[in-house]
Amino acid sequence: VRFLFREGDSLDSSKDKVDFIEGFIGSYPNWFVV
């Protein structure tokens, strides 16, 4: 977590998780799903 640029160098997608929350979180959606 010690980065200012090149955040992608520290990512490990095998450990990613997802939270699911009823209603709206955030205001900058990356993706609409219907």
PDB file of all heavy atoms in Angstrom:
ATOM      1  N   VAL A   1       0.817  -1.211   0.000  1.00  0.00           N
ATOM      2  CA  VAL A   1       0.000   0.000   0.000  1.00  0.00           C
ATOM      3  C   VAL A   1       0.854   1.266   0.000  1.00  0.00           C
ATOM      4  O   VAL A   1       0.351   2.360   0.232  1.00  0.00           O
ATOM      5  CB  VAL A   1      -0.960   0.022   1.217  1.00  0.00           C
ATOM      6  CG1 VAL A   1      -1.964  -1.098   1.120  1.00  0.00           C
ATOM      7  CG2 VAL A   1      -0.186  -0.057   2.536  1.00  0.00           C
ATOM      8  N   ARG A   2       2.130   1.095  -0.295  1.00  0.00           N
ATOM      9  CA  ARG A   2       3.011   2.266  -0.346  1.00  0.00           C
ATOM     10  C   ARG A   2       3.244   2.631  -1.816  1.00  0.00           C
ATOM     11  O   ARG A   2       4.237   2.253  -2.421  1.00  0.00           O
ATOM     12  CB  ARG A   2       4.349   1.971   0.347  1.00  0.00           C
ATOM     13  CG  ARG A   2       5.234   3.192   0.505  1.00  0.00           C
ATOM     14  CD  ARG A   2       6.586   2.793   1.089  1.00  0.00           C
ATOM     15  NE  ARG A   2       7.409   3.958   1.388  1.00  0.00           N
ATOM     16  CZ  ARG A   2       8.673   3.898   1.789  1.00  0.00           C
ATOM     17  NH1 ARG A   2       9.262   2.724   1.939  1.00  0.00           N
ATOM     18  NH2 ARG A   2       9.359   4.984   2.049  1.00  0.00           N
ATOM     19  N   PHE A   3       2.296   3.354  -2.376  1.00  0.00           N
ATOM     20  CA  PHE A   3       2.442   3.754  -3.771  1.00  0.00           C
ATOM     21  C   PHE A   3       1.745   5.083  -3.992  1.00  0.00           C
ATOM     22  O   PHE A   3       0.796   5.439  -3.310  1.00  0.00           O
ATOM     23  CB  PHE A   3       1.851   2.689  -4.711  1.00  0.00           C
ATOM     24  CG  PHE A   3       0.399   2.404  -4.469  1.00  0.00           C
ATOM     25  CD1 PHE A   3      -0.601   3.222  -4.977  1.00  0.00           C
ATOM     26  CD2 PHE A   3       0.013   1.301  -3.697  1.00  0.00           C
ATOM     27  CE1 PHE A   3      -1.941   2.959  -4.738  1.00  0.00           C
ATOM     28  CE2 PHE A   3      -1.331   1.038  -3.454  1.00  0.00           C
ATOM     29  CZ  PHE A   3      -2.305   1.873  -3.971  1.00  0.00           C
ATOM     30  N   LEU A   4       2.231   5.831  -4.952  1.00  0.00           N
ATOM     31  CA  LEU A   4       1.567   7.045  -5.401  1.00  0.00           C
ATOM     32  C   LEU A   4       1.157   6.868  -6.861  1.00  0.00           C
ATOM     33  O   LEU A   4       0.101   7.322  -7.272  1.00  0.00           O
ATOM     34  CB  LEU A   4       2.489   8.253  -5.241  1.00  0.00           C
ATOM     35  CG  LEU A   4       1.890   9.622  -5.602  1.00  0.00           C
ATOM     36  CD1 LEU A   4       0.672   9.901  -4.725  1.00  0.00           C
ATOM     37  CD2 LEU A   4       2.936  10.720  -5.413  1.00  0.00           C
ATOM     38  N   PHE A   5       2.018   6.193  -7.622  1.00  0.00           N
ATOM     39  CA  PHE A   5       1.727   5.873  -9.010  1.00  0.00           C
ATOM     40  C   PHE A   5       1.909   4.368  -9.199  1.00  0.00           C
ATOM     41  O   PHE A   5       2.368   3.661  -8.317  1.00  0.00           O
ATOM     42  CB  PHE A   5       2.661   6.641  -9.951  1.00  0.00           C
ATOM     43  CG  PHE A   5       2.622   8.134  -9.748  1.00  0.00           C
ATOM     44  CD1 PHE A   5       3.651   8.789  -9.096  1.00  0.00           C
ATOM     45  CD2 PHE A   5       1.540   8.880 -10.209  1.00  0.00           C
ATOM     46  CE1 PHE A   5       3.616  10.161  -8.902  1.00  0.00           C
ATOM     47  CE2 PHE A   5       1.495  10.252 -10.018  1.00  0.00           C
ATOM     48  CZ  PHE A   5       2.533  10.898  -9.356  1.00  0.00           C
ATOM     49  N   ARG A   6       1.510   3.859 -10.359  1.00  0.00           N
ATOM     50  CA  ARG A   6       1.680   2.449 -10.717  1.00  0.00           C
ATOM     51  C   ARG A   6       1.042   1.528  -9.679  1.00  0.00           C
ATOM     52  O   ARG A   6       1.640   0.564  -9.218  1.00  0.00           O
ATOM     53  CB  ARG A   6       3.166   2.114 -10.899  1.00  0.00           C
ATOM     54  CG  ARG A   6       3.820   2.916 -12.005  1.00  0.00           C
ATOM     55  CD  ARG A   6       5.248   2.521 -12.211  1.00  0.00           C
ATOM     56  NE  ARG A   6       5.358   1.119 -12.595  1.00  0.00           N
ATOM     57  CZ  ARG A   6       6.495   0.551 -12.972  1.00  0.00           C
ATOM     58  NH1 ARG A   6       7.613   1.257 -13.012  1.00  0.00           N
ATOM     59  NH2 ARG A   6       6.518  -0.736 -13.296  1.00  0.00           N
ATOM     60  N   GLU A   7      -0.177   1.845  -9.324  1.00  0.00           N
ATOM     61  CA  GLU A   7      -0.904   1.028  -8.354  1.00  0.00           C
ATOM     62  C   GLU A   7      -1.011  -0.419  -8.819  1.00  0.00           C
ATOM     63  O   GLU A   7      -0.972  -1.346  -8.011  1.00  0.00           O
ATOM     64  CB  GLU A   7      -2.304   1.603  -8.144  1.00  0.00           C
ATOM     65  CG  GLU A   7      -3.190   0.771  -7.230  1.00  0.00           C
ATOM     66  CD  GLU A   7      -4.616   1.301  -7.147  1.00  0.00           C
ATOM     67  OE1 GLU A   7      -4.911   2.307  -7.827  1.00  0.00           O
ATOM     68  OE2 GLU A   7      -5.413   0.715  -6.408  1.00  0.00           O
ATOM     69  N   GLY A   8      -1.154  -0.617 -10.150  1.00  0.00           N
ATOM     70  CA  GLY A   8      -1.344  -1.964 -10.671  1.00  0.00           C
ATOM     71  C   GLY A   8      -0.223  -2.924 -10.353  1.00  0.00           C
ATOM     72  O   GLY A   8      -0.431  -4.143 -10.352  1.00  0.00           O
ATOM     73  N   ASP A   9       0.969  -2.403 -10.069  1.00  0.00           N
ATOM     74  CA  ASP A   9       2.105  -3.280  -9.759  1.00  0.00           C
ATOM     75  C   ASP A   9       1.902  -4.025  -8.447  1.00  0.00           C
ATOM     76  O   ASP A   9       2.584  -5.014  -8.187  1.00  0.00           O
ATOM     77  CB  ASP A   9       3.399  -2.467  -9.685  1.00  0.00           C
ATOM     78  CG  ASP A   9       3.811  -1.918 -11.043  1.00  0.00           C
ATOM     79  OD1 ASP A   9       3.248  -2.361 -12.059  1.00  0.00           O
ATOM     80  OD2 ASP A   9       4.699  -1.038 -11.080  1.00  0.00           O
ATOM     81  N   SER A  10       1.003  -3.542  -7.604  1.00  0.00           N
ATOM     82  CA  SER A  10       0.826  -4.157  -6.287  1.00  0.00           C
ATOM     83  C   SER A  10      -0.420  -5.034  -6.199  1.00  0.00           C
ATOM     84  O   SER A  10      -0.699  -5.605  -5.156  1.00  0.00           O
ATOM     85  CB  SER A  10       0.753  -3.077  -5.203  1.00  0.00           C
ATOM     86  OG  SER A  10      -0.438  -2.330  -5.340  1.00  0.00           O
ATOM     87  N   LEU A  11      -1.189  -5.143  -7.290  1.00  0.00           N
ATOM     88  CA  LEU A  11      -2.453  -5.870  -7.246  1.00  0.00           C
ATOM     89  C   LEU A  11      -2.240  -7.378  -7.310  1.00  0.00           C
ATOM     90  O   LEU A  11      -1.315  -7.862  -7.967  1.00  0.00           O
ATOM     91  CB  LEU A  11      -3.352  -5.429  -8.407  1.00  0.00           C
ATOM     92  CG  LEU A  11      -3.799  -3.964  -8.399  1.00  0.00           C
ATOM     93  CD1 LEU A  11      -4.568  -3.642  -9.677  1.00  0.00           C
ATOM     94  CD2 LEU A  11      -4.662  -3.680  -7.182  1.00  0.00           C
ATOM     95  N   ASP A  12      -3.105  -8.116  -6.651  1.00  0.00           N
ATOM     96  CA  ASP A  12      -3.122  -9.577  -6.733  1.00  0.00           C
ATOM     97  C   ASP A  12      -4.574  -9.997  -6.887  1.00  0.00           C
ATOM     98  O   ASP A  12      -5.305 -10.136  -5.906  1.00  0.00           O
ATOM     99  CB  ASP A  12      -2.511 -10.199  -5.478  1.00  0.00           C
ATOM    100  CG  ASP A  12      -2.451 -11.731  -5.549  1.00  0.00           C
ATOM    101  OD1 ASP A  12      -3.017 -12.307  -6.506  1.00  0.00           O
ATOM    102  OD2 ASP A  12      -1.847 -12.341  -4.646  1.00  0.00           O
ATOM    103  N   SER A  13      -5.019 -10.179  -8.140  1.00  0.00           N
ATOM    104  CA  SER A  13      -6.434 -10.421  -8.403  1.00  0.00           C
ATOM    105  C   SER A  13      -6.918 -11.757  -7.856  1.00  0.00           C
ATOM    106  O   SER A  13      -8.130 -11.945  -7.676  1.00  0.00           O
ATOM    107  CB  SER A  13      -6.710 -10.360  -9.912  1.00  0.00           C
ATOM    108  OG  SER A  13      -5.919 -11.311 -10.611  1.00  0.00           O
ATOM    109  N   SER A  14      -6.007 -12.685  -7.571  1.00  0.00           N
ATOM    110  CA  SER A  14      -6.440 -13.975  -7.027  1.00  0.00           C
ATOM    111  C   SER A  14      -7.029 -13.825  -5.630  1.00  0.00           C
ATOM    112  O   SER A  14      -7.718 -14.722  -5.143  1.00  0.00           O
ATOM    113  CB  SER A  14      -5.268 -14.957  -6.993  1.00  0.00           C
ATOM    114  OG  SER A  14      -4.300 -14.570  -6.030  1.00  0.00           O
ATOM    115  N   LYS A  15      -6.783 -12.688  -4.982  1.00  0.00           N
ATOM    116  CA  LYS A  15      -7.289 -12.455  -3.628  1.00  0.00           C
ATOM    117  C   LYS A  15      -8.398 -11.399  -3.595  1.00  0.00           C
ATOM    118  O   LYS A  15      -8.853 -11.020  -2.513  1.00  0.00           O
ATOM    119  CB  LYS A  15      -6.135 -12.035  -2.701  1.00  0.00           C
ATOM    120  CG  LYS A  15      -5.058 -13.104  -2.557  1.00  0.00           C
ATOM    121  CD  LYS A  15      -3.931 -12.623  -1.655  1.00  0.00           C
ATOM    122  CE  LYS A  15      -2.838 -13.678  -1.537  1.00  0.00           C
ATOM    123  NZ  LYS A  15      -1.707 -13.204  -0.688  1.00  0.00           N
ATOM    124  N   ASP A  16      -8.823 -10.929  -4.761  1.00  0.00           N
ATOM    125  CA  ASP A  16      -9.906  -9.951  -4.795  1.00  0.00           C
ATOM    126  C   ASP A  16     -11.183 -10.535  -4.211  1.00  0.00           C
ATOM    127  O   ASP A  16     -11.465 -11.729  -4.341  1.00  0.00           O
ATOM    128  CB  ASP A  16     -10.186  -9.507  -6.238  1.00  0.00           C
ATOM    129  CG  ASP A  16      -9.101  -8.603  -6.795  1.00  0.00           C
ATOM    130  OD1 ASP A  16      -8.254  -8.152  -6.012  1.00  0.00           O
ATOM    131  OD2 ASP A  16      -9.119  -8.364  -8.012  1.00  0.00           O
ATOM    132  N   LYS A  17     -11.973  -9.681  -3.599  1.00  0.00           N
ATOM    133  CA  LYS A  17     -13.296 -10.066  -3.114  1.00  0.00           C
ATOM    134  C   LYS A  17     -14.308  -9.049  -3.625  1.00  0.00           C
ATOM    135  O   LYS A  17     -13.937  -7.998  -4.132  1.00  0.00           O
ATOM    136  CB  LYS A  17     -13.323 -10.110  -1.582  1.00  0.00           C
ATOM    137  CG  LYS A  17     -12.428 -11.176  -0.970  1.00  0.00           C
ATOM    138  CD  LYS A  17     -12.563 -11.194   0.539  1.00  0.00           C
ATOM    139  CE  LYS A  17     -13.961 -11.565   0.987  1.00  0.00           C
ATOM    140  NZ  LYS A  17     -14.084 -11.656   2.460  1.00  0.00           N
ATOM    141  N   VAL A  18     -15.555  -9.391  -3.483  1.00  0.00           N
ATOM    142  CA  VAL A  18     -16.626  -8.506  -3.942  1.00  0.00           C
ATOM    143  C   VAL A  18     -17.660  -8.379  -2.836  1.00  0.00           C
ATOM    144  O   VAL A  18     -18.051  -9.369  -2.217  1.00  0.00           O
ATOM    145  CB  VAL A  18     -17.302  -9.068  -5.211  1.00  0.00           C
ATOM    146  CG1 VAL A  18     -18.250  -8.017  -5.800  1.00  0.00           C
ATOM    147  CG2 VAL A  18     -16.275  -9.498  -6.244  1.00  0.00           C
ATOM    148  N   ASP A  19     -18.091  -7.146  -2.580  1.00  0.00           N
ATOM    149  CA  ASP A  19     -19.194  -6.902  -1.653  1.00  0.00           C
ATOM    150  C   ASP A  19     -20.438  -6.564  -2.461  1.00  0.00           C
ATOM    151  O   ASP A  19     -20.363  -5.838  -3.463  1.00  0.00           O
ATOM    152  CB  ASP A  19     -18.872  -5.735  -0.712  1.00  0.00           C
ATOM    153  CG  ASP A  19     -17.910  -6.141   0.388  1.00  0.00           C
ATOM    154  OD1 ASP A  19     -17.837  -7.338   0.694  1.00  0.00           O
ATOM    155  OD2 ASP A  19     -17.238  -5.251   0.936  1.00  0.00           O
ATOM    156  N   PHE A  20     -21.571  -7.068  -2.014  1.00  0.00           N
ATOM    157  CA  PHE A  20     -22.847  -6.803  -2.663  1.00  0.00           C
ATOM    158  C   PHE A  20     -23.749  -6.103  -1.659  1.00  0.00           C
ATOM    159  O   PHE A  20     -23.992  -6.619  -0.571  1.00  0.00           O
ATOM    160  CB  PHE A  20     -23.483  -8.108  -3.146  1.00  0.00           C
ATOM    161  CG  PHE A  20     -22.647  -8.824  -4.173  1.00  0.00           C
ATOM    162  CD1 PHE A  20     -21.779  -9.830  -3.800  1.00  0.00           C
ATOM    163  CD2 PHE A  20     -22.722  -8.472  -5.508  1.00  0.00           C
ATOM    164  CE1 PHE A  20     -21.001 -10.483  -4.738  1.00  0.00           C
ATOM    165  CE2 PHE A  20     -21.949  -9.125  -6.456  1.00  0.00           C
ATOM    166  CZ  PHE A  20     -21.087 -10.128  -6.070  1.00  0.00           C
ATOM    167  N   ILE A  21     -24.220  -4.927  -2.023  1.00  0.00           N
ATOM    168  CA  ILE A  21     -24.968  -4.092  -1.101  1.00  0.00           C
ATOM    169  C   ILE A  21     -26.263  -3.652  -1.773  1.00  0.00           C
ATOM    170  O   ILE A  21     -26.232  -3.141  -2.902  1.00  0.00           O
ATOM    171  CB  ILE A  21     -24.138  -2.862  -0.692  1.00  0.00           C
ATOM    172  CG1 ILE A  21     -22.849  -3.320  -0.001  1.00  0.00           C
ATOM    173  CG2 ILE A  21     -24.919  -1.939   0.212  1.00  0.00           C
ATOM    174  CD1 ILE A  21     -21.651  -2.509  -0.300  1.00  0.00           C
ATOM    175  N   GLU A  22     -27.370  -3.853  -1.086  1.00  0.00           N
ATOM    176  CA  GLU A  22     -28.645  -3.422  -1.631  1.00  0.00           C
ATOM    177  C   GLU A  22     -28.671  -1.902  -1.736  1.00  0.00           C
ATOM    178  O   GLU A  22     -28.293  -1.201  -0.806  1.00  0.00           O
ATOM    179  CB  GLU A  22     -29.794  -3.904  -0.748  1.00  0.00           C
ATOM    180  CG  GLU A  22     -31.168  -3.558  -1.292  1.00  0.00           C
ATOM    181  CD  GLU A  22     -32.294  -4.008  -0.385  1.00  0.00           C
ATOM    182  OE1 GLU A  22     -32.002  -4.594   0.676  1.00  0.00           O
ATOM    183  OE2 GLU A  22     -33.460  -3.767  -0.743  1.00  0.00           O
ATOM    184  N   GLY A  23     -29.084  -1.396  -2.884  1.00  0.00           N
ATOM    185  CA  GLY A  23     -29.119   0.040  -3.098  1.00  0.00           C
ATOM    186  C   GLY A  23     -27.845   0.542  -3.754  1.00  0.00           C
ATOM    187  O   GLY A  23     -27.064  -0.227  -4.316  1.00  0.00           O
ATOM    188  N   PHE A  24     -27.626   1.847  -3.660  1.00  0.00           N
ATOM    189  CA  PHE A  24     -26.528   2.500  -4.368  1.00  0.00           C
ATOM    190  C   PHE A  24     -25.346   2.763  -3.451  1.00  0.00           C
ATOM    191  O   PHE A  24     -25.493   3.314  -2.368  1.00  0.00           O
ATOM    192  CB  PHE A  24     -26.993   3.828  -4.957  1.00  0.00           C
ATOM    193  CG  PHE A  24     -27.958   3.696  -6.101  1.00  0.00           C
ATOM    194  CD1 PHE A  24     -29.324   3.697  -5.879  1.00  0.00           C
ATOM    195  CD2 PHE A  24     -27.493   3.571  -7.404  1.00  0.00           C
ATOM    196  CE1 PHE A  24     -30.216   3.579  -6.926  1.00  0.00           C
ATOM    197  CE2 PHE A  24     -28.378   3.456  -8.470  1.00  0.00           C
ATOM    198  CZ  PHE A  24     -29.742   3.457  -8.234  1.00  0.00           C
ATOM    199  N   ILE A  25     -24.176   2.375  -3.923  1.00  0.00           N
ATOM    200  CA  ILE A  25     -22.919   2.761  -3.301  1.00  0.00           C
ATOM    201  C   ILE A  25     -22.129   3.516  -4.363  1.00  0.00           C
ATOM    202  O   ILE A  25     -22.009   3.058  -5.502  1.00  0.00           O
ATOM    203  CB  ILE A  25     -22.114   1.536  -2.832  1.00  0.00           C
ATOM    204  CG1 ILE A  25     -22.840   0.824  -1.702  1.00  0.00           C
ATOM    205  CG2 ILE A  25     -20.706   1.947  -2.395  1.00  0.00           C
ATOM    206  CD1 ILE A  25     -22.949   1.604  -0.417  1.00  0.00           C
ATOM    207  N   GLY A  26     -21.580   4.673  -4.013  1.00  0.00           N
ATOM    208  CA  GLY A  26     -20.790   5.437  -4.960  1.00  0.00           C
ATOM    209  C   GLY A  26     -21.646   6.263  -5.907  1.00  0.00           C
ATOM    210  O   GLY A  26     -22.883   6.237  -5.865  1.00  0.00           O
ATOM    211  N   SER A  27     -20.983   7.015  -6.763  1.00  0.00           N
ATOM    212  CA  SER A  27     -21.672   7.838  -7.758  1.00  0.00           C
ATOM    213  C   SER A  27     -20.949   7.827  -9.097  1.00  0.00           C
ATOM    214  O   SER A  27     -21.305   8.570 -10.000  1.00  0.00           O
ATOM    215  CB  SER A  27     -21.795   9.284  -7.256  1.00  0.00           C
ATOM    216  OG  SER A  27     -20.525   9.807  -6.907  1.00  0.00           O
ATOM    217  N   TYR A  28     -19.904   6.967  -9.216  1.00  0.00           N
ATOM    218  CA  TYR A  28     -19.139   6.827 -10.455  1.00  0.00           C
ATOM    219  C   TYR A  28     -19.196   5.372 -10.921  1.00  0.00           C
ATOM    220  O   TYR A  28     -18.209   4.647 -10.835  1.00  0.00           O
ATOM    221  CB  TYR A  28     -17.677   7.198 -10.244  1.00  0.00           C
ATOM    222  CG  TYR A  28     -17.395   8.634  -9.889  1.00  0.00           C
ATOM    223  CD1 TYR A  28     -17.487   9.080  -8.579  1.00  0.00           C
ATOM    224  CD2 TYR A  28     -17.009   9.541 -10.879  1.00  0.00           C
ATOM    225  CE1 TYR A  28     -17.205  10.397  -8.245  1.00  0.00           C
ATOM    226  CE2 TYR A  28     -16.718  10.858 -10.554  1.00  0.00           C
ATOM    227  CZ  TYR A  28     -16.818  11.277  -9.244  1.00  0.00           C
ATOM    228  OH  TYR A  28     -16.531  12.578  -8.914  1.00  0.00           O
ATOM    229  N   PRO A  29     -20.331   4.907 -11.401  1.00  0.00           N
ATOM    230  CA  PRO A  29     -20.403   3.497 -11.802  1.00  0.00           C
ATOM    231  C   PRO A  29     -19.508   3.200 -12.996  1.00  0.00           C
ATOM    232  O   PRO A  29     -19.377   4.019 -13.910  1.00  0.00           O
ATOM    233  CB  PRO A  29     -21.879   3.315 -12.158  1.00  0.00           C
ATOM    234  CG  PRO A  29     -22.325   4.683 -12.584  1.00  0.00           C
ATOM    235  CD  PRO A  29     -21.580   5.636 -11.680  1.00  0.00           C
ATOM    236  N   ASN A  30     -18.879   2.030 -12.978  1.00  0.00           N
ATOM    237  CA  ASN A  30     -18.096   1.568 -14.116  1.00  0.00           C
ATOM    238  C   ASN A  30     -18.918   0.730 -15.077  1.00  0.00           C
ATOM    239  O   ASN A  30     -18.493   0.473 -16.206  1.00  0.00           O
ATOM    240  CB  ASN A  30     -16.912   0.707 -13.644  1.00  0.00           C
ATOM    241  CG  ASN A  30     -16.026   1.411 -12.638  1.00  0.00           C
ATOM    242  OD1 ASN A  30     -15.720   0.858 -11.597  1.00  0.00           O
ATOM    243  ND2 ASN A  30     -15.611   2.634 -12.925  1.00  0.00           N
ATOM    244  N   TRP A  31     -20.090   0.294 -14.606  1.00  0.00           N
ATOM    245  CA  TRP A  31     -20.802  -0.739 -15.366  1.00  0.00           C
ATOM    246  C   TRP A  31     -22.260  -0.761 -14.949  1.00  0.00           C
ATOM    247  O   TRP A  31     -22.567  -0.784 -13.761  1.00  0.00           O
ATOM    248  CB  TRP A  31     -20.146  -2.086 -15.039  1.00  0.00           C
ATOM    249  CG  TRP A  31     -20.501  -3.256 -15.868  1.00  0.00           C
ATOM    250  CD1 TRP A  31     -20.903  -3.273 -17.187  1.00  0.00           C
ATOM    251  CD2 TRP A  31     -20.484  -4.623 -15.455  1.00  0.00           C
ATOM    252  NE1 TRP A  31     -21.123  -4.564 -17.609  1.00  0.00           N
ATOM    253  CE2 TRP A  31     -20.879  -5.412 -16.557  1.00  0.00           C
ATOM    254  CE3 TRP A  31     -20.180  -5.262 -14.261  1.00  0.00           C
ATOM    255  CZ2 TRP A  31     -20.971  -6.794 -16.490  1.00  0.00           C
ATOM    256  CZ3 TRP A  31     -20.263  -6.639 -14.203  1.00  0.00           C
ATOM    257  CH2 TRP A  31     -20.653  -7.390 -15.315  1.00  0.00           C
ATOM    258  N   PHE A  32     -23.177  -0.701 -15.914  1.00  0.00           N
ATOM    259  CA  PHE A  32     -24.596  -0.935 -15.666  1.00  0.00           C
ATOM    260  C   PHE A  32     -24.925  -2.369 -16.074  1.00  0.00           C
ATOM    261  O   PHE A  32     -24.499  -2.833 -17.135  1.00  0.00           O
ATOM    262  CB  PHE A  32     -25.483   0.003 -16.493  1.00  0.00           C
ATOM    263  CG  PHE A  32     -25.423   1.443 -16.095  1.00  0.00           C
ATOM    264  CD1 PHE A  32     -25.531   2.441 -17.055  1.00  0.00           C
ATOM    265  CD2 PHE A  32     -25.297   1.822 -14.765  1.00  0.00           C
ATOM    266  CE1 PHE A  32     -25.494   3.779 -16.707  1.00  0.00           C
ATOM    267  CE2 PHE A  32     -25.255   3.161 -14.403  1.00  0.00           C
ATOM    268  CZ  PHE A  32     -25.351   4.145 -15.379  1.00  0.00           C
ATOM    269  N   VAL A  33     -25.701  -3.040 -15.243  1.00  0.00           N
ATOM    270  CA  VAL A  33     -26.123  -4.407 -15.515  1.00  0.00           C
ATOM    271  C   VAL A  33     -27.634  -4.473 -15.327  1.00  0.00           C
ATOM    272  O   VAL A  33     -28.159  -3.936 -14.345  1.00  0.00           O
ATOM    273  CB  VAL A  33     -25.439  -5.411 -14.562  1.00  0.00           C
ATOM    274  CG1 VAL A  33     -25.908  -6.836 -14.848  1.00  0.00           C
ATOM    275  CG2 VAL A  33     -23.926  -5.316 -14.698  1.00  0.00           C
ATOM    276  N   VAL A  34     -28.314  -5.118 -16.251  1.00  0.00           N
ATOM    277  CA  VAL A  34     -29.761  -5.281 -16.165  1.00  0.00           C
ATOM    278  C   VAL A  34     -30.081  -6.764 -16.307  1.00  0.00           C
ATOM    279  O   VAL A  34     -29.753  -7.384 -17.327  1.00  0.00           O
ATOM    280  CB  VAL A  34     -30.492  -4.471 -17.253  1.00  0.00           C
ATOM    281  CG1 VAL A  34     -31.999  -4.656 -17.124  1.00  0.00           C
ATOM    282  CG2 VAL A  34     -30.128  -2.999 -17.167  1.00  0.00           C
TER     283      VAL A  34
END
